[in-house]
Amino acid sequence: QVQLVESGGGLVQPGGSLRLSCATSGYIFRIYTMAWYRQAPGNQRELVATITSGGSTNYADSVKGRFTISRDNAKKSVYLQMNSLKPEDTAVYYCNSHRPGLEYWGQGTQVSVSS
């Protein structure tokens, strides 16, 4: 069956870095657009970054210049490098895979930015 498993979350001080990973299985990863979303307590889930099957990327204004999304089709994985983290980046981060008519989600990984 389809699985998306995030890892790499944790507690980090402001200004620090984390790298999130999302390992997938059970579907044809390379033809899907991949994305990272996040949801902070009391807030709606918001789009953080996307990367298409062709490698084109897009970012939320709040993370531009600090976060980088990448993918490895051979490993069927997507990554989110997060630098210069801020307390407002604290949220559960979700991996998303989609193409017209199909969408899959991971279970989420907690990122907490605090001193």
N, C-alpha and C. Protein backbone atom coordinates (compact mmCIF):
# COMPACT_ATOMS: atom_id res chain seq x y z
N GLN A 1 0.82 -1.18 0.00
CA GLN A 1 0.00 0.00 0.00
C GLN A 1 0.87 1.25 0.00
N VAL A 2 0.24 2.39 -0.24
CA VAL A 2 0.96 3.65 -0.28
C VAL A 2 1.38 4.06 1.13
N GLN A 3 2.64 4.44 1.27
CA GLN A 3 3.14 4.94 2.54
C GLN A 3 4.03 6.15 2.32
N LEU A 4 3.85 7.15 3.17
CA LEU A 4 4.73 8.31 3.24
C LEU A 4 5.13 8.43 4.69
N VAL A 5 6.42 8.36 4.96
CA VAL A 5 6.91 8.37 6.33
C VAL A 5 7.92 9.49 6.50
N GLU A 6 7.53 10.48 7.32
CA GLU A 6 8.41 11.61 7.58
C GLU A 6 9.35 11.30 8.74
N SER A 7 10.50 11.94 8.73
CA SER A 7 11.46 11.84 9.82
C SER A 7 12.30 13.10 9.83
N GLY A 8 13.04 13.28 10.93
CA GLY A 8 13.97 14.40 11.02
C GLY A 8 13.50 15.57 11.85
N GLY A 9 12.29 15.51 12.35
CA GLY A 9 11.82 16.59 13.20
C GLY A 9 12.50 16.56 14.56
N GLY A 10 12.25 17.61 15.34
CA GLY A 10 12.84 17.67 16.67
C GLY A 10 12.80 19.07 17.22
N LEU A 11 13.54 19.25 18.30
CA LEU A 11 13.65 20.55 18.97
C LEU A 11 14.97 21.21 18.58
N VAL A 12 14.89 22.46 18.15
CA VAL A 12 16.09 23.18 17.75
C VAL A 12 16.00 24.61 18.23
N GLN A 13 17.13 25.22 18.48
CA GLN A 13 17.16 26.61 18.92
C GLN A 13 16.94 27.55 17.73
N PRO A 14 16.45 28.75 17.99
CA PRO A 14 16.33 29.72 16.90
C PRO A 14 17.66 29.93 16.20
N GLY A 15 17.60 30.00 14.87
CA GLY A 15 18.80 30.12 14.07
C GLY A 15 19.39 28.80 13.64
N GLY A 16 18.89 27.71 14.21
CA GLY A 16 19.40 26.39 13.89
C GLY A 16 18.83 25.81 12.61
N SER A 17 19.22 24.58 12.33
CA SER A 17 18.80 23.91 11.10
C SER A 17 18.27 22.51 11.39
N LEU A 18 17.39 22.07 10.52
CA LEU A 18 16.90 20.69 10.53
C LEU A 18 16.70 20.25 9.09
N ARG A 19 16.81 18.96 8.87
CA ARG A 19 16.52 18.41 7.55
C ARG A 19 15.45 17.35 7.71
N LEU A 20 14.31 17.59 7.12
CA LEU A 20 13.22 16.62 7.13
C LEU A 20 13.33 15.70 5.92
N SER A 21 12.97 14.45 6.13
CA SER A 21 12.95 13.48 5.05
C SER A 21 11.56 12.84 4.99
N CYS A 22 11.18 12.45 3.79
CA CYS A 22 9.92 11.73 3.59
C CYS A 22 10.21 10.57 2.65
N ALA A 23 10.15 9.38 3.19
CA ALA A 23 10.37 8.17 2.40
C ALA A 23 9.02 7.62 1.96
N THR A 24 8.92 7.29 0.68
CA THR A 24 7.63 6.83 0.15
C THR A 24 7.75 5.43 -0.44
N SER A 25 6.60 4.81 -0.56
CA SER A 25 6.55 3.49 -1.19
C SER A 25 5.13 3.22 -1.65
N GLY A 26 4.99 2.26 -2.56
CA GLY A 26 3.67 1.81 -2.97
C GLY A 26 3.04 2.54 -4.14
N TYR A 27 3.78 3.47 -4.75
CA TYR A 27 3.26 4.16 -5.93
C TYR A 27 4.42 4.69 -6.76
N ILE A 28 4.09 5.25 -7.93
CA ILE A 28 5.13 5.70 -8.85
C ILE A 28 5.57 7.11 -8.47
N PHE A 29 6.49 7.18 -7.55
CA PHE A 29 6.91 8.45 -6.94
C PHE A 29 7.31 9.50 -7.98
N ARG A 30 8.05 9.10 -9.01
CA ARG A 30 8.69 10.08 -9.88
C ARG A 30 7.72 10.92 -10.69
N ILE A 31 6.47 10.48 -10.82
CA ILE A 31 5.53 11.25 -11.64
C ILE A 31 4.64 12.17 -10.81
N TYR A 32 4.88 12.18 -9.51
CA TYR A 32 4.05 12.99 -8.62
C TYR A 32 4.75 14.29 -8.23
N THR A 33 3.97 15.34 -8.07
CA THR A 33 4.46 16.54 -7.40
C THR A 33 4.50 16.25 -5.90
N MET A 34 5.58 16.65 -5.27
CA MET A 34 5.75 16.48 -3.83
C MET A 34 5.69 17.83 -3.14
N ALA A 35 5.22 17.82 -1.91
CA ALA A 35 5.09 19.06 -1.17
C ALA A 35 5.29 18.82 0.31
N TRP A 36 5.64 19.89 0.99
CA TRP A 36 5.66 19.92 2.45
C TRP A 36 4.63 20.95 2.89
N TYR A 37 3.81 20.55 3.84
CA TYR A 37 2.85 21.43 4.50
C TYR A 37 3.21 21.48 5.98
N ARG A 38 2.65 22.45 6.67
CA ARG A 38 2.82 22.50 8.12
C ARG A 38 1.54 23.03 8.76
N GLN A 39 1.37 22.63 10.02
CA GLN A 39 0.21 23.07 10.77
C GLN A 39 0.62 23.35 12.21
N ALA A 40 0.47 24.60 12.60
CA ALA A 40 0.74 24.99 13.98
C ALA A 40 -0.56 24.91 14.77
N PRO A 41 -0.47 24.75 16.10
CA PRO A 41 -1.68 24.65 16.92
C PRO A 41 -2.60 25.85 16.69
N GLY A 42 -3.88 25.56 16.44
CA GLY A 42 -4.85 26.61 16.24
C GLY A 42 -4.87 27.22 14.86
N ASN A 43 -3.96 26.76 14.00
CA ASN A 43 -3.87 27.32 12.64
C ASN A 43 -4.29 26.29 11.60
N GLN A 44 -4.61 26.78 10.42
CA GLN A 44 -4.89 25.89 9.32
C GLN A 44 -3.58 25.34 8.76
N ARG A 45 -3.69 24.19 8.11
CA ARG A 45 -2.53 23.63 7.44
C ARG A 45 -2.13 24.54 6.28
N GLU A 46 -0.85 24.84 6.17
CA GLU A 46 -0.39 25.73 5.12
C GLU A 46 0.70 25.08 4.28
N LEU A 47 0.73 25.48 3.02
CA LEU A 47 1.74 24.96 2.10
C LEU A 47 3.07 25.65 2.36
N VAL A 48 4.12 24.85 2.47
CA VAL A 48 5.47 25.37 2.72
C VAL A 48 6.28 25.41 1.43
N ALA A 49 6.31 24.27 0.72
CA ALA A 49 7.14 24.18 -0.48
C ALA A 49 6.63 23.04 -1.36
N THR A 50 6.86 23.20 -2.67
CA THR A 50 6.50 22.14 -3.60
C THR A 50 7.66 21.89 -4.56
N ILE A 51 7.70 20.68 -5.10
CA ILE A 51 8.65 20.34 -6.15
C ILE A 51 7.94 19.42 -7.13
N THR A 52 7.96 19.80 -8.40
CA THR A 52 7.25 19.02 -9.40
C THR A 52 8.07 17.79 -9.81
N SER A 53 7.46 16.96 -10.63
CA SER A 53 8.17 15.79 -11.13
C SER A 53 9.38 16.20 -11.96
N GLY A 54 9.32 17.40 -12.55
CA GLY A 54 10.44 17.90 -13.33
C GLY A 54 11.47 18.67 -12.54
N GLY A 55 11.21 18.85 -11.25
CA GLY A 55 12.19 19.50 -10.39
C GLY A 55 11.95 20.99 -10.14
N SER A 56 10.87 21.55 -10.66
CA SER A 56 10.57 22.96 -10.40
C SER A 56 10.07 23.12 -8.97
N THR A 57 10.54 24.18 -8.32
CA THR A 57 10.21 24.38 -6.91
C THR A 57 9.45 25.69 -6.70
N ASN A 58 8.73 25.71 -5.60
CA ASN A 58 8.00 26.91 -5.21
C ASN A 58 7.94 26.94 -3.69
N TYR A 59 7.96 28.14 -3.12
CA TYR A 59 8.02 28.28 -1.67
C TYR A 59 7.04 29.32 -1.17
N ALA A 60 6.56 29.10 0.04
CA ALA A 60 5.81 30.14 0.72
C ALA A 60 6.73 31.32 0.99
N ASP A 61 6.17 32.52 0.95
CA ASP A 61 6.99 33.71 1.18
C ASP A 61 7.71 33.65 2.53
N SER A 62 7.07 33.06 3.51
CA SER A 62 7.62 33.04 4.87
C SER A 62 8.87 32.20 5.00
N VAL A 63 9.14 31.32 4.02
CA VAL A 63 10.30 30.44 4.13
C VAL A 63 11.30 30.65 3.00
N LYS A 64 10.99 31.51 2.04
CA LYS A 64 11.91 31.74 0.91
C LYS A 64 13.27 32.19 1.41
N GLY A 65 14.31 31.58 0.84
CA GLY A 65 15.67 31.93 1.23
C GLY A 65 16.17 31.17 2.45
N ARG A 66 15.27 30.47 3.15
CA ARG A 66 15.68 29.71 4.35
C ARG A 66 15.48 28.21 4.17
N PHE A 67 14.44 27.82 3.45
CA PHE A 67 14.13 26.41 3.27
C PHE A 67 14.43 26.00 1.83
N THR A 68 14.83 24.74 1.66
CA THR A 68 15.06 24.18 0.33
C THR A 68 14.43 22.80 0.23
N ILE A 69 13.57 22.62 -0.77
CA ILE A 69 12.97 21.32 -1.02
C ILE A 69 13.74 20.63 -2.12
N SER A 70 13.91 19.32 -1.99
CA SER A 70 14.59 18.53 -3.01
C SER A 70 14.00 17.13 -3.04
N ARG A 71 14.30 16.41 -4.10
CA ARG A 71 13.79 15.05 -4.22
C ARG A 71 14.84 14.14 -4.82
N ASP A 72 14.74 12.87 -4.48
CA ASP A 72 15.62 11.85 -5.03
C ASP A 72 14.71 10.75 -5.56
N ASN A 73 14.51 10.74 -6.86
CA ASN A 73 13.58 9.77 -7.43
C ASN A 73 14.06 8.33 -7.26
N ALA A 74 15.37 8.14 -7.26
CA ALA A 74 15.90 6.78 -7.08
C ALA A 74 15.58 6.25 -5.69
N LYS A 75 15.58 7.14 -4.71
CA LYS A 75 15.27 6.73 -3.33
C LYS A 75 13.80 6.94 -3.00
N LYS A 76 13.03 7.47 -3.96
CA LYS A 76 11.61 7.73 -3.73
C LYS A 76 11.40 8.58 -2.48
N SER A 77 12.19 9.61 -2.36
CA SER A 77 12.17 10.43 -1.16
C SER A 77 12.19 11.92 -1.51
N VAL A 78 11.63 12.69 -0.60
CA VAL A 78 11.66 14.14 -0.71
C VAL A 78 12.21 14.70 0.60
N TYR A 79 12.88 15.84 0.51
CA TYR A 79 13.56 16.41 1.66
C TYR A 79 13.19 17.88 1.82
N LEU A 80 13.33 18.37 3.04
CA LEU A 80 13.16 19.79 3.30
C LEU A 80 14.30 20.23 4.21
N GLN A 81 15.25 20.97 3.64
CA GLN A 81 16.33 21.54 4.43
C GLN A 81 15.85 22.87 4.98
N MET A 82 15.88 23.00 6.29
CA MET A 82 15.37 24.20 6.95
C MET A 82 16.51 24.86 7.70
N ASN A 83 16.85 26.06 7.30
CA ASN A 83 17.92 26.83 7.93
C ASN A 83 17.35 28.09 8.56
N SER A 84 18.13 28.70 9.43
CA SER A 84 17.72 29.95 10.08
C SER A 84 16.32 29.82 10.66
N LEU A 85 16.10 28.76 11.38
CA LEU A 85 14.76 28.50 11.91
C LEU A 85 14.34 29.54 12.93
N LYS A 86 13.04 29.82 12.91
CA LYS A 86 12.44 30.82 13.79
C LYS A 86 11.36 30.15 14.66
N PRO A 87 11.05 30.73 15.80
CA PRO A 87 9.98 30.15 16.63
C PRO A 87 8.67 29.98 15.86
N GLU A 88 8.40 30.87 14.93
CA GLU A 88 7.15 30.77 14.17
C GLU A 88 7.16 29.63 13.15
N ASP A 89 8.28 28.96 13.00
CA ASP A 89 8.32 27.75 12.17
C ASP A 89 7.84 26.51 12.93
N THR A 90 7.61 26.66 14.23
CA THR A 90 7.14 25.54 15.03
C THR A 90 5.80 25.04 14.51
N ALA A 91 5.73 23.74 14.20
CA ALA A 91 4.52 23.15 13.64
C ALA A 91 4.75 21.66 13.43
N VAL A 92 3.68 20.97 13.11
CA VAL A 92 3.80 19.61 12.59
C VAL A 92 3.94 19.74 11.07
N TYR A 93 4.97 19.11 10.54
CA TYR A 93 5.26 19.17 9.11
C TYR A 93 4.81 17.87 8.44
N TYR A 94 4.07 18.03 7.36
CA TYR A 94 3.49 16.89 6.65
C TYR A 94 4.04 16.80 5.23
N CYS A 95 4.32 15.60 4.83
CA CYS A 95 4.72 15.30 3.45
C CYS A 95 3.45 15.02 2.63
N ASN A 96 3.41 15.55 1.43
CA ASN A 96 2.24 15.39 0.55
C ASN A 96 2.71 15.01 -0.84
N SER A 97 1.96 14.12 -1.45
CA SER A 97 2.25 13.69 -2.82
C SER A 97 0.97 13.80 -3.62
N HIS A 98 1.01 14.44 -4.78
CA HIS A 98 -0.24 14.58 -5.50
C HIS A 98 -0.03 14.69 -7.01
N ARG A 99 -1.06 14.31 -7.70
CA ARG A 99 -1.23 14.52 -9.13
C ARG A 99 -2.72 14.55 -9.36
N PRO A 100 -3.18 14.96 -10.52
CA PRO A 100 -4.64 15.10 -10.71
C PRO A 100 -5.42 13.86 -10.30
N GLY A 101 -6.30 14.04 -9.35
CA GLY A 101 -7.18 12.97 -8.91
C GLY A 101 -6.64 12.08 -7.83
N LEU A 102 -5.38 12.27 -7.45
CA LEU A 102 -4.77 11.42 -6.43
C LEU A 102 -3.95 12.27 -5.46
N GLU A 103 -4.01 11.92 -4.19
CA GLU A 103 -3.28 12.66 -3.18
C GLU A 103 -2.99 11.75 -2.00
N TYR A 104 -1.77 11.84 -1.50
CA TYR A 104 -1.37 11.04 -0.35
C TYR A 104 -0.70 11.93 0.68
N TRP A 105 -0.84 11.54 1.95
CA TRP A 105 -0.26 12.30 3.07
C TRP A 105 0.53 11.39 3.99
N GLY A 106 1.55 11.97 4.59
CA GLY A 106 2.25 11.30 5.67
C GLY A 106 1.59 11.61 6.99
N GLN A 107 2.16 11.05 8.05
CA GLN A 107 1.56 11.20 9.38
C GLN A 107 2.05 12.46 10.10
N GLY A 108 3.10 13.07 9.59
CA GLY A 108 3.61 14.30 10.18
C GLY A 108 4.77 14.09 11.13
N THR A 109 5.60 15.13 11.24
CA THR A 109 6.71 15.12 12.18
C THR A 109 6.77 16.50 12.84
N GLN A 110 6.99 16.50 14.16
CA GLN A 110 6.96 17.74 14.92
C GLN A 110 8.28 18.47 14.82
N VAL A 111 8.21 19.76 14.51
CA VAL A 111 9.36 20.65 14.54
C VAL A 111 9.07 21.74 15.57
N SER A 112 9.96 21.86 16.54
CA SER A 112 9.80 22.87 17.58
C SER A 112 11.05 23.73 17.61
N VAL A 113 10.85 25.04 17.52
CA VAL A 113 11.96 25.99 17.53
C VAL A 113 11.83 26.85 18.79
N SER A 114 12.73 26.65 19.71
CA SER A 114 12.65 27.34 20.98
C SER A 114 14.00 27.38 21.66
N SER A 115 14.23 28.45 22.44
CA SER A 115 15.46 28.54 23.20
C SER A 115 15.22 28.00 24.62
